[in-house]
Amino acid sequence: MLYPDILRRKLERYFEFDRLATNWRTEILAGLTTFITMAYIVFVNPSILAEAGMPIGAVTAATCLSAAIGSILMGAVARYPIALAPGMGLNAYFTYAVVKGMGVPWQVALGAVFLSGVAFLILTLTGLRQRIVEALPADLYSAVAVGIGLFIAFIGLKNAGIVVADPATALTLGNLRAPATALSLLGLLVIAALLAWQVRAAMLIGILVTTAIGFATGLARWQWQPGTAFDLSQTAGQLDIAAAFHLGFAELIFIFLFVDLFDNLGTLVAVSKEAGIVTERNQIPRVGRILVTDSIATMAGALLGTSTVVSYIESAAGIVAGGRSGVTAIVTGAMFLVALVAAPLIGAVPGAATAPALILVGGMMMAHAAHIRWRDPEAAIPAFLTIVMIPLSFSIANGLAIGFIAYTALKLLRGKWGEPGWLAYILTVLFLLRFIYLGRG
């Protein structure tokens, strides 16, 4: 019994349990909460990439394995409660813009994803990615967190059917009497009440309770599909790196690199802010390890057969549940390994059960607005544009780009030429090129 106790104490010291005021129970619950909130990717990612002609069973396996590798590495090496998985948005770009729009075979597109991961790793090892993270002004750190909070809440409201598209007004109130929407509203009430009672596992309990009610009322159902999640042979190692180079670096690799850089940057800033790991000088400790892990996960994902792997904003759900150390991410990664075997069971959790968690996590992230200097137009205007453009353009990268351009422009117009710093000017030019090259981003 002595050896397990020694090992436990060593692990607690390594993950800094005392400094972070956390414990095993809290970290495990937080990891489970993060997993349940982002488990939809096990089904959504394969369904999107299947439209690119990729076999859905193999992509399911690649999705689970890449998420497990990325999350466990993040927890063990970087020691942060940040989970990784194939990114939403980038998987859509992979399928609809690259494969379908440009007529690029999915094997070549995977080669481009792999090369973008290599480029990321080089940028990280040279220290350039870390400098980019640190170049963000303090107010934009907070603004990104608030904007992503609104983004998360909007996705939750949309998934719940509480808000729906409208041709006249763009958005309108949905049918609150619809069964799935009513279930989401009930889940929202359950989680809100648990949070009000300061129950640490409020998100996890609320999701499970809502799922149980869904089954009891016939709103949740699933079908067993044995064997499909193990077939990796059709995608693993099928990437075509040589052809990706032949098509031209700027055409594919540059776009994957550029979009992922700023989407990931926004997510990293927001999650780090929510976890309270940003220092007073707006630096993220061990940021190099975070970025190396992200690069390796992207390369591993491409080798296995999936699009770019990124840090997930749903990690905020686990952080709200109390997760502070890398154990949270390791638990989430372990659950993705379980999902590889029991993928059909993950589908038992309906969107109506996870939507309330997204709404409330988004609401909690509004607290960061208090750290923005609203009385200073040079800080307030870029922050405001960042906040509103993230949800309205449905893109973290777009909101961050517009806010950063506004920040640099205002400094120049005020005659404060030297204040932004040389890297800020380079980033501003890159953001402008992003809009010029990608059109709408």
Protein backbone atom coordinates (compact mmCIF):
# COMPACT_ATOMS: atom_id res chain seq x y z
CA MET A 1 0.00 0.00 0.00
CA LEU A 2 3.00 2.29 0.54
CA TYR A 3 4.05 2.43 -3.11
CA PRO A 4 0.62 3.55 -4.42
CA ASP A 5 0.59 6.32 -1.80
CA ILE A 6 4.05 7.50 -2.86
CA LEU A 7 3.00 7.44 -6.52
CA ARG A 8 -0.17 9.37 -5.73
CA ARG A 9 1.76 12.06 -3.86
CA LYS A 10 4.28 12.36 -6.69
CA LEU A 11 1.48 12.77 -9.22
CA GLU A 12 -0.22 15.38 -7.04
CA ARG A 13 3.05 17.32 -6.84
CA TYR A 14 3.63 17.03 -10.59
CA PHE A 15 0.12 18.31 -11.38
CA GLU A 16 0.40 20.96 -8.61
CA PHE A 17 -2.79 19.97 -6.78
CA ASP A 18 -1.95 22.07 -3.71
CA ARG A 19 -1.19 25.26 -5.64
CA LEU A 20 -4.29 24.83 -7.80
CA ALA A 21 -6.47 23.90 -4.80
CA THR A 22 -7.86 20.82 -6.53
CA ASN A 23 -8.20 17.07 -5.88
CA TRP A 24 -8.70 13.80 -7.75
CA ARG A 25 -12.49 13.77 -7.44
CA THR A 26 -12.84 17.29 -8.83
CA GLU A 27 -10.43 16.64 -11.70
CA ILE A 28 -12.11 13.39 -12.71
CA LEU A 29 -15.58 14.96 -12.65
CA ALA A 30 -14.28 17.91 -14.67
CA GLY A 31 -12.74 15.56 -17.25
CA LEU A 32 -16.01 13.66 -17.59
CA THR A 33 -17.90 16.95 -17.93
CA THR A 34 -15.60 18.16 -20.70
CA PHE A 35 -15.91 14.84 -22.51
CA ILE A 36 -19.70 14.70 -22.38
CA THR A 37 -19.93 18.31 -23.58
CA MET A 38 -17.68 17.68 -26.59
CA ALA A 39 -18.58 14.02 -27.27
CA TYR A 40 -20.75 15.14 -30.19
CA ILE A 41 -17.56 15.38 -32.26
CA VAL A 42 -17.38 11.55 -32.32
CA PHE A 43 -20.42 11.61 -34.62
CA VAL A 44 -20.37 15.07 -36.19
CA ASN A 45 -16.80 14.94 -37.51
CA PRO A 46 -17.22 11.60 -39.35
CA SER A 47 -20.52 12.75 -40.86
CA ILE A 48 -18.87 15.90 -42.29
CA LEU A 49 -15.73 14.16 -43.57
CA ALA A 50 -17.85 11.36 -45.06
CA GLU A 51 -19.13 13.96 -47.53
CA ALA A 52 -15.54 14.30 -48.73
CA GLY A 53 -15.67 10.60 -49.65
CA MET A 54 -13.90 9.34 -46.51
CA PRO A 55 -15.15 6.05 -44.97
CA ILE A 56 -17.19 6.94 -41.91
CA GLY A 57 -16.06 4.00 -39.76
CA ALA A 58 -12.38 4.79 -40.24
CA VAL A 59 -12.94 8.50 -39.57
CA THR A 60 -14.81 7.63 -36.37
CA ALA A 61 -11.77 5.71 -35.15
CA ALA A 62 -9.41 8.50 -36.25
CA THR A 63 -11.55 11.07 -34.46
CA CYS A 64 -11.50 9.17 -31.17
CA LEU A 65 -7.80 8.31 -31.33
CA SER A 66 -6.62 11.80 -32.32
CA ALA A 67 -8.74 13.36 -29.57
CA ALA A 68 -7.33 10.87 -27.06
CA ILE A 69 -3.72 11.45 -28.13
CA GLY A 70 -4.05 15.23 -28.14
CA SER A 71 -5.91 15.48 -24.82
CA ILE A 72 -3.66 13.03 -22.94
CA LEU A 73 -0.53 14.75 -24.25
CA MET A 74 -1.93 18.13 -23.24
CA GLY A 75 -2.65 16.90 -19.74
CA ALA A 76 0.58 14.95 -19.22
CA VAL A 77 3.06 17.31 -20.89
CA ALA A 78 1.55 20.80 -20.76
CA ARG A 79 -0.45 20.01 -17.58
CA TYR A 80 -3.48 22.08 -18.53
CA PRO A 81 -7.20 21.15 -18.47
CA ILE A 82 -7.52 21.73 -22.22
CA ALA A 83 -8.97 18.94 -24.37
CA LEU A 84 -8.27 18.54 -28.09
CA ALA A 85 -10.20 17.00 -30.98
CA PRO A 86 -10.72 17.55 -34.72
CA GLY A 87 -11.92 21.13 -35.06
CA MET A 88 -15.38 22.16 -36.12
CA GLY A 89 -15.16 24.69 -38.93
CA LEU A 90 -11.84 23.32 -40.12
CA ASN A 91 -13.49 19.97 -40.89
CA ALA A 92 -16.14 21.84 -42.88
CA TYR A 93 -13.44 23.80 -44.70
CA PHE A 94 -11.63 20.52 -45.43
CA THR A 95 -14.75 18.96 -46.95
CA TYR A 96 -16.65 21.78 -48.62
CA ALA A 97 -13.92 24.22 -49.66
CA VAL A 98 -10.93 21.99 -50.35
CA VAL A 99 -12.27 18.58 -51.40
CA LYS A 100 -15.60 19.56 -52.95
CA GLY A 101 -14.89 23.17 -53.89
CA MET A 102 -11.34 22.77 -55.26
CA GLY A 103 -11.68 19.15 -56.36
CA VAL A 104 -8.71 18.04 -54.23
CA PRO A 105 -8.70 14.33 -53.25
CA TRP A 106 -9.11 13.85 -49.51
CA GLN A 107 -5.76 12.06 -49.35
CA VAL A 108 -4.05 15.20 -50.64
CA ALA A 109 -6.03 17.39 -48.26
CA LEU A 110 -4.84 15.22 -45.36
CA GLY A 111 -1.29 15.73 -46.62
CA ALA A 112 -1.83 19.49 -46.43
CA VAL A 113 -3.16 19.15 -42.87
CA PHE A 114 -0.05 17.17 -41.89
CA LEU A 115 2.28 19.77 -43.41
CA SER A 116 0.42 22.57 -41.62
CA GLY A 117 1.09 20.69 -38.37
CA VAL A 118 4.80 20.50 -39.25
CA ALA A 119 4.81 24.25 -39.99
CA PHE A 120 3.08 24.87 -36.64
CA LEU A 121 5.75 22.85 -34.85
CA ILE A 122 8.56 24.81 -36.52
CA LEU A 123 6.90 28.13 -35.62
CA THR A 124 6.54 26.92 -32.02
CA LEU A 125 10.12 25.66 -31.66
CA THR A 126 11.45 28.98 -32.98
CA GLY A 127 9.34 30.79 -30.37
CA LEU A 128 7.27 32.72 -32.92
CA ARG A 129 3.91 31.23 -31.92
CA GLN A 130 4.57 32.06 -28.27
CA ARG A 131 5.39 35.65 -29.21
CA ILE A 132 2.13 35.86 -31.15
CA VAL A 133 0.17 34.73 -28.08
CA GLU A 134 1.97 37.28 -25.90
CA ALA A 135 1.47 40.09 -28.47
CA LEU A 136 -2.26 40.25 -27.72
CA PRO A 137 -3.12 43.31 -25.59
CA ALA A 138 -4.73 42.65 -22.20
CA ASP A 139 -8.15 43.96 -23.19
CA LEU A 140 -8.32 41.67 -26.22
CA TYR A 141 -7.53 38.70 -23.97
CA SER A 142 -10.70 39.45 -22.04
CA ALA A 143 -12.67 40.37 -25.16
CA VAL A 144 -11.88 37.04 -26.84
CA ALA A 145 -13.07 35.20 -23.74
CA VAL A 146 -16.34 37.18 -23.72
CA GLY A 147 -16.85 36.79 -27.47
CA ILE A 148 -16.33 33.05 -27.32
CA GLY A 149 -18.72 32.93 -24.37
CA LEU A 150 -21.39 34.51 -26.56
CA PHE A 151 -20.41 32.15 -29.37
CA ILE A 152 -20.81 29.10 -27.14
CA ALA A 153 -24.11 30.37 -25.77
CA PHE A 154 -25.40 31.03 -29.28
CA ILE A 155 -24.47 27.51 -30.41
CA GLY A 156 -26.28 26.13 -27.36
CA LEU A 157 -29.38 28.25 -28.02
CA LYS A 158 -29.35 27.17 -31.67
CA ASN A 159 -28.87 23.48 -30.85
CA ALA A 160 -31.70 23.70 -28.34
CA GLY A 161 -34.05 25.28 -30.89
CA ILE A 162 -34.55 28.30 -28.64
CA VAL A 163 -33.38 30.55 -31.47
CA VAL A 164 -33.88 29.67 -35.14
CA ALA A 165 -33.11 31.17 -38.54
CA ASP A 166 -35.57 33.65 -39.98
CA PRO A 167 -35.46 35.10 -43.53
CA ALA A 168 -36.74 38.49 -42.41
CA THR A 169 -34.79 39.09 -39.21
CA ALA A 170 -31.94 36.54 -39.55
CA LEU A 171 -32.84 35.11 -36.12
CA THR A 172 -36.03 34.72 -34.14
CA LEU A 173 -37.43 32.83 -31.17
CA GLY A 174 -38.00 29.14 -31.84
CA ASN A 175 -41.01 27.03 -30.95
CA LEU A 176 -40.62 26.63 -27.19
CA ARG A 177 -43.37 23.98 -27.20
CA ALA A 178 -41.36 21.67 -29.43
CA PRO A 179 -40.47 18.56 -27.38
CA ALA A 180 -36.68 18.78 -27.87
CA THR A 181 -36.67 22.50 -27.08
CA ALA A 182 -38.79 21.95 -23.98
CA LEU A 183 -36.32 19.25 -22.88
CA SER A 184 -33.44 21.71 -23.31
CA LEU A 185 -35.25 24.34 -21.28
CA LEU A 186 -35.81 21.79 -18.53
CA GLY A 187 -32.12 20.87 -18.63
CA LEU A 188 -31.23 24.56 -18.46
CA LEU A 189 -33.33 24.90 -15.30
CA VAL A 190 -31.80 21.78 -13.72
CA ILE A 191 -28.20 22.88 -14.34
CA ALA A 192 -28.92 26.48 -13.29
CA ALA A 193 -30.45 25.28 -10.02
CA LEU A 194 -27.49 23.00 -9.31
CA LEU A 195 -25.08 25.85 -10.03
CA ALA A 196 -27.05 28.12 -7.71
CA TRP A 197 -26.64 25.47 -5.01
CA GLN A 198 -22.89 25.48 -5.85
CA VAL A 199 -22.83 21.81 -6.82
CA ARG A 200 -19.40 21.17 -8.40
CA ALA A 201 -20.66 18.47 -10.78
CA ALA A 202 -23.66 20.59 -11.84
CA MET A 203 -22.91 20.36 -15.57
CA LEU A 204 -22.35 16.61 -15.59
CA ILE A 205 -25.35 15.85 -13.36
CA GLY A 206 -27.58 18.18 -15.39
CA ILE A 207 -26.59 16.57 -18.69
CA LEU A 208 -27.17 13.05 -17.34
CA VAL A 209 -30.53 14.00 -15.76
CA THR A 210 -31.68 15.62 -19.01
CA THR A 211 -30.54 12.56 -20.98
CA ALA A 212 -32.48 10.27 -18.62
CA ILE A 213 -35.61 12.38 -19.06
CA GLY A 214 -35.07 12.23 -22.81
CA PHE A 215 -35.07 8.44 -22.72
CA ALA A 216 -38.08 8.33 -20.44
CA THR A 217 -40.07 10.55 -22.82
CA GLY A 218 -38.84 8.90 -26.02
CA LEU A 219 -36.90 11.98 -27.16
CA ALA A 220 -33.53 10.21 -26.97
CA ARG A 221 -32.73 7.00 -28.79
CA TRP A 222 -29.78 5.22 -30.33
CA GLN A 223 -28.91 2.27 -32.55
CA TRP A 224 -26.03 -0.12 -32.03
CA GLN A 225 -23.59 -0.27 -34.96
CA PRO A 226 -20.93 -2.85 -34.04
CA GLY A 227 -17.48 -2.92 -35.57
CA THR A 228 -17.51 0.34 -37.52
CA ALA A 229 -15.36 2.25 -35.03
CA PHE A 230 -12.35 -0.06 -35.39
CA ASP A 231 -11.74 0.13 -39.13
CA LEU A 232 -8.73 2.43 -39.51
CA SER A 233 -7.13 0.73 -42.48
CA GLN A 234 -8.96 2.86 -45.04
CA THR A 235 -7.62 6.20 -43.77
CA ALA A 236 -4.52 5.59 -41.61
CA GLY A 237 -1.39 6.42 -43.58
CA GLN A 238 -3.40 7.32 -46.69
CA LEU A 239 -2.35 11.01 -46.74
CA ASP A 240 -0.50 12.21 -49.85
CA ILE A 241 2.17 14.69 -48.71
CA ALA A 242 3.99 14.86 -52.05
CA ALA A 243 0.82 15.82 -53.92
CA ALA A 244 0.03 18.48 -51.32
CA PHE A 245 3.42 20.07 -52.03
CA HIS A 246 2.81 19.78 -55.77
CA LEU A 247 -0.43 21.77 -55.55
CA GLY A 248 1.43 24.64 -53.93
CA PHE A 249 2.08 25.60 -50.32
CA ALA A 250 0.08 28.82 -50.42
CA GLU A 251 -3.03 27.22 -51.89
CA LEU A 252 -3.71 24.61 -49.21
CA ILE A 253 -1.16 24.39 -46.43
CA PHE A 254 -1.08 28.15 -45.88
CA ILE A 255 -4.85 28.30 -45.48
CA PHE A 256 -4.98 25.41 -42.99
CA LEU A 257 -2.08 26.98 -41.12
CA PHE A 258 -3.57 30.47 -41.10
CA VAL A 259 -7.13 29.55 -40.12
CA ASP A 260 -6.01 27.10 -37.44
CA LEU A 261 -3.45 29.54 -36.02
CA PHE A 262 -5.98 32.22 -35.17
CA ASP A 263 -8.88 29.92 -34.30
CA ASN A 264 -6.61 28.05 -31.93
CA LEU A 265 -5.12 31.27 -30.57
CA GLY A 266 -8.56 32.60 -29.70
CA THR A 267 -9.59 29.34 -28.04
CA LEU A 268 -6.33 29.12 -26.09
CA VAL A 269 -6.67 32.66 -24.79
CA ALA A 270 -10.31 32.18 -23.79
CA VAL A 271 -9.81 28.85 -22.03
CA SER A 272 -6.64 30.07 -20.29
CA LYS A 273 -8.48 33.16 -19.09
CA GLU A 274 -11.38 31.06 -17.79
CA ALA A 275 -8.99 28.73 -15.96
CA GLY A 276 -7.18 31.66 -14.36
CA ILE A 277 -3.77 30.59 -15.69
CA VAL A 278 -2.92 33.88 -17.40
CA THR A 279 -0.32 35.83 -15.43
CA GLU A 280 -0.55 39.54 -14.56
CA ARG A 281 1.72 40.21 -17.56
CA ASN A 282 -0.76 38.38 -19.83
CA GLN A 283 1.55 35.41 -20.27
CA ILE A 284 0.50 31.76 -20.28
CA PRO A 285 2.98 29.55 -18.41
CA ARG A 286 4.30 26.60 -20.44
CA VAL A 287 2.61 27.99 -23.55
CA GLY A 288 5.32 26.35 -25.66
CA ARG A 289 4.27 22.91 -24.42
CA ILE A 290 0.63 23.69 -25.24
CA LEU A 291 1.50 24.67 -28.80
CA VAL A 292 3.87 21.72 -29.36
CA THR A 293 1.13 19.37 -28.18
CA ASP A 294 -1.34 20.98 -30.58
CA SER A 295 1.10 20.58 -33.48
CA ILE A 296 1.78 16.91 -32.70
CA ALA A 297 -1.95 16.20 -32.35
CA THR A 298 -2.64 17.72 -35.78
CA MET A 299 0.09 15.62 -37.40
CA ALA A 300 -1.16 12.48 -35.61
CA GLY A 301 -4.73 13.22 -36.71
CA ALA A 302 -3.68 13.57 -40.35
CA LEU A 303 -1.73 10.30 -40.17
CA LEU A 304 -4.77 8.55 -38.69
CA GLY A 305 -7.23 10.09 -41.11
CA THR A 306 -8.94 13.25 -39.86
CA SER A 307 -8.80 17.00 -40.34
CA THR A 308 -6.94 19.50 -38.13
CA VAL A 309 -6.95 18.80 -34.37
CA VAL A 310 -7.42 21.88 -32.19
CA SER A 311 -7.92 22.95 -28.58
CA TYR A 312 -11.62 22.76 -27.77
CA ILE A 313 -13.55 25.66 -26.30
CA GLU A 314 -15.81 23.09 -24.61
CA SER A 315 -12.90 22.64 -22.21
CA ALA A 316 -14.43 25.63 -20.44
CA ALA A 317 -17.24 23.33 -19.23
CA GLY A 318 -14.73 21.20 -17.34
CA ILE A 319 -13.01 24.29 -15.99
CA VAL A 320 -16.33 25.63 -14.69
CA ALA A 321 -16.79 22.21 -13.04
CA GLY A 322 -13.54 22.82 -11.15
CA GLY A 323 -10.88 21.31 -13.43
CA ARG A 324 -7.55 23.07 -13.06
CA SER A 325 -4.79 20.55 -13.76
CA GLY A 326 -3.73 18.27 -16.60
CA VAL A 327 -5.60 15.40 -14.98
CA THR A 328 -8.83 16.87 -16.37
CA ALA A 329 -7.51 16.61 -19.94
CA ILE A 330 -6.11 13.11 -19.34
CA VAL A 331 -9.51 11.89 -18.12
CA THR A 332 -11.16 13.43 -21.19
CA GLY A 333 -8.62 11.71 -23.45
CA ALA A 334 -9.18 8.38 -21.70
CA MET A 335 -12.91 8.73 -22.30
CA PHE A 336 -12.27 9.14 -26.02
CA LEU A 337 -10.48 5.77 -25.93
CA VAL A 338 -13.58 4.31 -24.29
CA ALA A 339 -15.65 5.99 -27.01
CA LEU A 340 -13.65 4.08 -29.61
CA VAL A 341 -15.18 0.89 -28.25
CA ALA A 342 -18.57 2.24 -27.26
CA ALA A 343 -19.16 4.98 -29.84
CA PRO A 344 -22.85 4.09 -30.25
CA LEU A 345 -23.41 4.63 -26.51
CA ILE A 346 -22.07 8.18 -26.77
CA GLY A 347 -24.90 8.88 -29.17
CA ALA A 348 -27.34 8.26 -26.35
CA VAL A 349 -26.66 11.80 -25.08
CA PRO A 350 -28.99 14.02 -27.16
CA GLY A 351 -28.10 17.53 -28.29
CA ALA A 352 -30.96 18.77 -26.13
CA ALA A 353 -28.98 17.62 -23.07
CA THR A 354 -25.65 19.26 -23.97
CA ALA A 355 -27.14 22.52 -25.28
CA PRO A 356 -28.04 23.87 -21.79
CA ALA A 357 -24.46 23.30 -20.61
CA LEU A 358 -23.13 25.33 -23.55
CA ILE A 359 -25.56 28.16 -22.84
CA LEU A 360 -24.59 28.44 -19.18
CA VAL A 361 -20.85 28.06 -19.79
CA GLY A 362 -21.14 30.93 -22.26
CA GLY A 363 -22.99 33.00 -19.69
CA MET A 364 -20.32 32.44 -17.06
CA MET A 365 -17.63 33.68 -19.43
CA MET A 366 -19.30 37.09 -19.52
CA ALA A 367 -17.54 37.86 -16.24
CA HIS A 368 -14.37 38.67 -18.19
CA ALA A 369 -16.02 41.80 -19.59
CA ALA A 370 -15.32 43.45 -16.22
CA HIS A 371 -11.59 43.41 -17.01
CA ILE A 372 -11.96 45.52 -20.17
CA ARG A 373 -11.23 49.25 -19.90
CA TRP A 374 -14.57 50.38 -21.29
CA ARG A 375 -13.93 54.09 -20.62
CA ASP A 376 -10.85 54.07 -22.84
CA PRO A 377 -11.91 54.07 -26.53
CA GLU A 378 -8.54 52.68 -27.62
CA ALA A 379 -9.26 49.59 -25.56
CA ALA A 380 -13.06 49.51 -25.68
CA ILE A 381 -13.59 49.75 -29.45
CA PRO A 382 -11.30 46.83 -30.44
CA ALA A 383 -12.71 44.82 -27.55
CA PHE A 384 -16.30 45.51 -28.58
CA LEU A 385 -15.63 44.59 -32.22
CA THR A 386 -13.95 41.36 -31.12
CA ILE A 387 -16.85 40.43 -28.86
CA VAL A 388 -19.63 41.02 -31.39
CA MET A 389 -17.85 39.66 -34.45
CA ILE A 390 -16.98 36.26 -32.99
CA PRO A 391 -20.63 35.12 -32.68
CA LEU A 392 -22.00 37.19 -35.57
CA SER A 393 -19.41 35.94 -38.07
CA PHE A 394 -19.51 32.47 -36.48
CA SER A 395 -15.72 32.51 -36.30
CA ILE A 396 -13.23 33.03 -33.48
CA ALA A 397 -10.55 33.92 -36.03
CA ASN A 398 -12.66 36.62 -37.71
CA GLY A 399 -13.51 38.32 -34.44
CA LEU A 400 -9.92 38.28 -33.23
CA ALA A 401 -8.65 39.56 -36.58
CA ILE A 402 -11.08 42.48 -36.74
CA GLY A 403 -10.43 43.46 -33.13
CA PHE A 404 -6.66 43.31 -33.58
CA ILE A 405 -6.78 45.38 -36.78
CA ALA A 406 -8.89 47.99 -34.96
CA TYR A 407 -6.42 48.01 -32.04
CA THR A 408 -3.42 48.71 -34.29
CA ALA A 409 -5.29 51.25 -36.42
CA LEU A 410 -6.38 53.28 -33.39
CA LYS A 411 -2.83 53.32 -32.02
CA LEU A 412 -1.55 54.63 -35.35
CA LEU A 413 -4.29 57.26 -35.60
CA ARG A 414 -3.47 58.45 -32.08
CA GLY A 415 0.20 58.81 -33.05
CA LYS A 416 1.32 56.04 -30.69
CA TRP A 417 3.49 54.41 -33.33
CA GLY A 418 5.78 52.49 -31.01
CA GLU A 419 3.19 51.18 -28.55
CA PRO A 420 1.87 48.09 -30.40
CA GLY A 421 5.33 46.67 -31.13
CA TRP A 422 6.80 45.25 -34.31
CA LEU A 423 5.06 41.88 -34.00
CA ALA A 424 1.67 43.58 -33.68
CA TYR A 425 2.24 45.30 -37.02
CA ILE A 426 3.21 42.03 -38.66
CA LEU A 427 0.11 40.34 -37.21
CA THR A 428 -2.09 43.18 -38.45
CA VAL A 429 -0.73 42.79 -41.97
CA LEU A 430 -1.28 39.03 -41.79
CA PHE A 431 -4.85 39.54 -40.57
CA LEU A 432 -5.48 41.93 -43.48
CA LEU A 433 -3.98 39.41 -45.92
CA ARG A 434 -6.22 36.77 -44.40
CA PHE A 435 -9.33 38.75 -45.35
CA ILE A 436 -7.95 39.63 -48.78
CA TYR A 437 -6.84 36.07 -49.54
CA LEU A 438 -9.77 34.22 -47.99
CA GLY A 439 -12.45 36.74 -48.92
CA ARG A 440 -14.94 36.41 -46.07
CA GLY A 441 -12.49 34.40 -43.88
